[in-house]
Protein backbone atom coordinates (compact mmCIF):
# COMPACT_ATOMS: atom_id res chain seq x y z
CA MET A 1 121.76 -263.82 -9.01
CA PHE A 2 122.51 -260.21 -9.44
CA GLY A 3 121.59 -259.62 -5.86
CA VAL A 4 124.20 -262.09 -4.64
CA ILE A 5 126.81 -260.56 -6.73
CA ALA A 6 125.92 -257.12 -5.35
CA VAL A 7 126.26 -258.40 -1.85
CA LEU A 8 129.56 -260.06 -2.44
CA ALA A 9 130.83 -256.85 -4.04
CA ALA A 10 129.62 -254.75 -1.09
CA LEU A 11 131.36 -257.18 1.32
CA GLN A 12 134.55 -256.87 -0.60
CA VAL A 13 134.38 -252.98 -0.28
CA ALA A 14 133.46 -253.22 3.32
CA TYR A 15 135.90 -255.79 4.60
CA GLY A 16 138.58 -255.89 1.88
CA CYS A 17 141.89 -254.09 1.81
CA SER A 18 142.41 -250.54 0.72
CA GLY A 19 145.58 -249.09 -0.47
CA ASP A 20 144.68 -245.88 1.35
CA SER A 21 145.28 -247.19 4.86
CA PHE A 22 148.91 -248.25 4.52
CA SER A 23 151.79 -246.82 6.26
CA ALA A 24 155.34 -248.54 5.83
CA THR A 25 159.00 -248.46 6.97
CA SER A 26 161.89 -250.43 5.58
CA TYR A 27 165.50 -251.56 6.46
CA THR A 28 168.13 -252.83 4.26
CA THR A 29 171.49 -254.19 4.97
CA THR A 30 174.28 -251.77 4.10
CA ASN A 31 177.32 -252.89 6.38
CA LEU A 32 179.32 -255.42 4.42
CA PRO A 33 181.66 -256.58 7.38
CA LEU A 34 178.75 -257.31 9.69
CA ALA A 35 176.55 -259.32 7.25
CA THR A 36 176.98 -262.35 5.00
CA GLU A 37 173.80 -261.57 3.15
CA THR A 38 171.58 -258.69 2.22
CA ALA A 39 168.21 -258.38 3.88
CA ILE A 40 165.33 -256.29 2.78
CA ILE A 41 162.74 -255.82 5.59
CA VAL A 42 159.49 -253.98 5.13
CA GLU A 43 157.16 -253.46 8.04
CA PHE A 44 153.63 -251.99 7.37
CA THR A 45 150.21 -251.41 8.92
CA ALA A 46 147.20 -252.07 6.83
CA ASP A 47 143.54 -252.03 7.39
CA CYS A 48 142.91 -255.47 6.12
CA PRO A 49 140.61 -257.43 8.55
CA ASP A 50 140.82 -261.14 8.23
CA SER A 51 142.92 -261.11 5.03
CA LYS A 52 146.05 -263.18 4.45
CA LEU A 53 148.45 -260.97 2.57
CA ALA A 54 151.39 -261.93 0.26
CA ALA A 55 154.16 -259.81 -1.17
CA VAL A 56 155.95 -259.98 -4.39
CA ILE A 57 159.47 -258.64 -4.81
CA GLY A 58 160.89 -259.01 -8.28
CA ASP A 59 159.20 -262.28 -9.38
CA GLU A 60 159.53 -263.88 -5.98
CA VAL A 61 156.32 -264.51 -3.90
CA LEU A 62 156.86 -264.13 -0.27
CA PRO A 63 154.58 -264.57 2.80
CA VAL A 64 153.51 -261.54 4.92
CA TYR A 65 153.80 -262.22 8.65
CA THR A 66 151.44 -260.53 10.99
CA ALA A 67 151.89 -259.63 14.63
CA GLY A 68 149.09 -257.58 16.20
CA ASP A 69 148.46 -254.52 13.91
CA SER A 70 151.70 -254.87 12.16
CA ASN A 71 152.78 -256.85 9.12
CA MET A 72 156.16 -257.72 7.90
CA VAL A 73 157.91 -259.23 4.82
CA THR A 74 161.51 -260.08 4.53
CA LEU A 75 163.73 -261.16 1.67
CA VAL A 76 167.30 -262.40 2.34
CA LYS A 77 169.76 -263.20 -0.54
CA ASP A 78 173.49 -263.02 -1.06
CA HIS A 79 175.05 -259.56 -1.66
CA ALA A 80 175.44 -260.02 -5.45
CA SER A 81 171.77 -261.02 -5.88
CA LEU A 82 170.52 -257.66 -4.30
CA PRO A 83 172.72 -254.88 -5.56
CA SER A 84 172.05 -251.30 -5.03
CA ASN A 85 168.63 -250.53 -6.58
CA SER A 86 165.09 -249.53 -5.87
CA TYR A 87 162.92 -252.57 -5.24
CA ASN A 88 159.13 -252.51 -5.45
CA VAL A 89 157.32 -254.53 -2.90
CA ASP A 90 153.75 -255.38 -4.23
CA ILE A 91 151.26 -256.29 -1.55
CA TYR A 92 148.36 -258.64 -2.63
CA ASP A 93 145.44 -260.13 -0.79
CA GLU A 94 144.51 -263.92 -1.37
CA ALA A 95 142.72 -263.34 -4.54
CA GLY A 96 145.34 -260.95 -5.91
CA ILE A 97 148.24 -263.46 -5.22
CA VAL A 98 146.37 -266.23 -6.99
CA ALA A 99 145.90 -264.04 -9.99
CA PHE A 100 149.53 -262.95 -9.89
CA LYS A 101 150.58 -266.80 -9.84
CA ASN A 102 148.13 -267.39 -12.79
CA HIS A 103 149.74 -264.48 -14.64
CA ALA A 104 153.23 -265.77 -14.01
CA LYS A 105 152.30 -269.24 -15.45
CA ASP A 106 150.38 -267.82 -18.44
CA ALA A 107 151.44 -264.44 -19.74
CA SER A 108 147.96 -264.07 -21.63
CA VAL A 109 146.21 -263.88 -18.26
CA GLU A 110 145.83 -260.26 -17.16
CA ALA A 111 148.27 -259.17 -14.39
CA PRO A 112 146.44 -258.14 -11.19
CA LYS A 113 146.87 -254.68 -9.62
CA PRO A 114 148.48 -254.98 -6.17
CA ILE A 115 146.67 -253.45 -3.21
CA LYS A 116 149.61 -251.26 -2.51
CA THR A 117 153.35 -250.93 -3.82
CA ILE A 118 156.03 -249.97 -1.39
CA THR A 119 159.28 -248.79 -3.00
CA VAL A 120 162.36 -249.67 -0.93
CA ASN A 121 165.56 -247.86 -1.75
CA HIS A 122 168.61 -250.15 -1.18
CA PRO A 123 171.93 -248.26 -1.32
CA GLY A 124 173.99 -251.51 -1.45
CA VAL A 125 176.41 -252.84 0.96
CA SER A 126 179.77 -251.04 1.69
CA LYS A 127 182.66 -251.39 4.08
CA GLU A 128 182.09 -248.64 6.63
CA GLY A 129 184.29 -247.22 9.19
CA LEU A 130 188.09 -247.25 9.46
CA PRO A 131 190.38 -249.22 7.04
CA ILE A 132 191.67 -251.06 10.14
CA GLN A 133 189.43 -252.07 13.04
CA THR A 134 189.79 -250.17 16.31
CA GLU A 135 190.79 -253.37 18.08
CA PHE A 136 194.08 -253.31 16.26
CA TYR A 137 194.72 -249.76 17.01
CA CYS A 138 194.20 -250.36 20.74
CA ASN A 139 196.37 -253.53 20.62
CA GLY A 140 199.20 -251.70 18.90
CA CYS A 141 199.09 -248.76 21.39
CA PHE A 142 198.62 -250.55 24.64
CA SER A 143 200.61 -253.71 23.98
CA PRO A 144 203.98 -252.07 24.48
CA CYS A 145 202.93 -250.69 27.81
CA LEU A 146 201.85 -254.12 29.12
CA VAL A 147 204.98 -256.04 27.83
CA GLY A 148 207.40 -254.06 30.10
CA ARG A 149 205.62 -255.12 33.28
């Protein structure tokens, strides 16, 4: 019995995820006139062979999408639901997300430690640029020239 447990532990170490092999980039919506909702997008690479990953932002469990060597998680909500703040994106493997869901249902169950936590700084959305769009400036300047013709 002890031998089986030792082999399983060795396999987890050899083939499991390690928080040391992560690199991440992130994007958040900042331009209010161009977006109706705020998006938080995190792209990362991880050395997690044959592992299904999941992410948690706040208390929301999200799937992690994989394309080649890259992984991505996306959260989209209305602007009021995602104000200016630092958001932690906790990455879990299959066993970790099951433990997280059990902890969410029953607080007496110990909370699992994520494989990696990625912090995303969202500055919030704001109206950028000129108070009047450039199309109106052009229309106001060039319309009188065209009317006389």
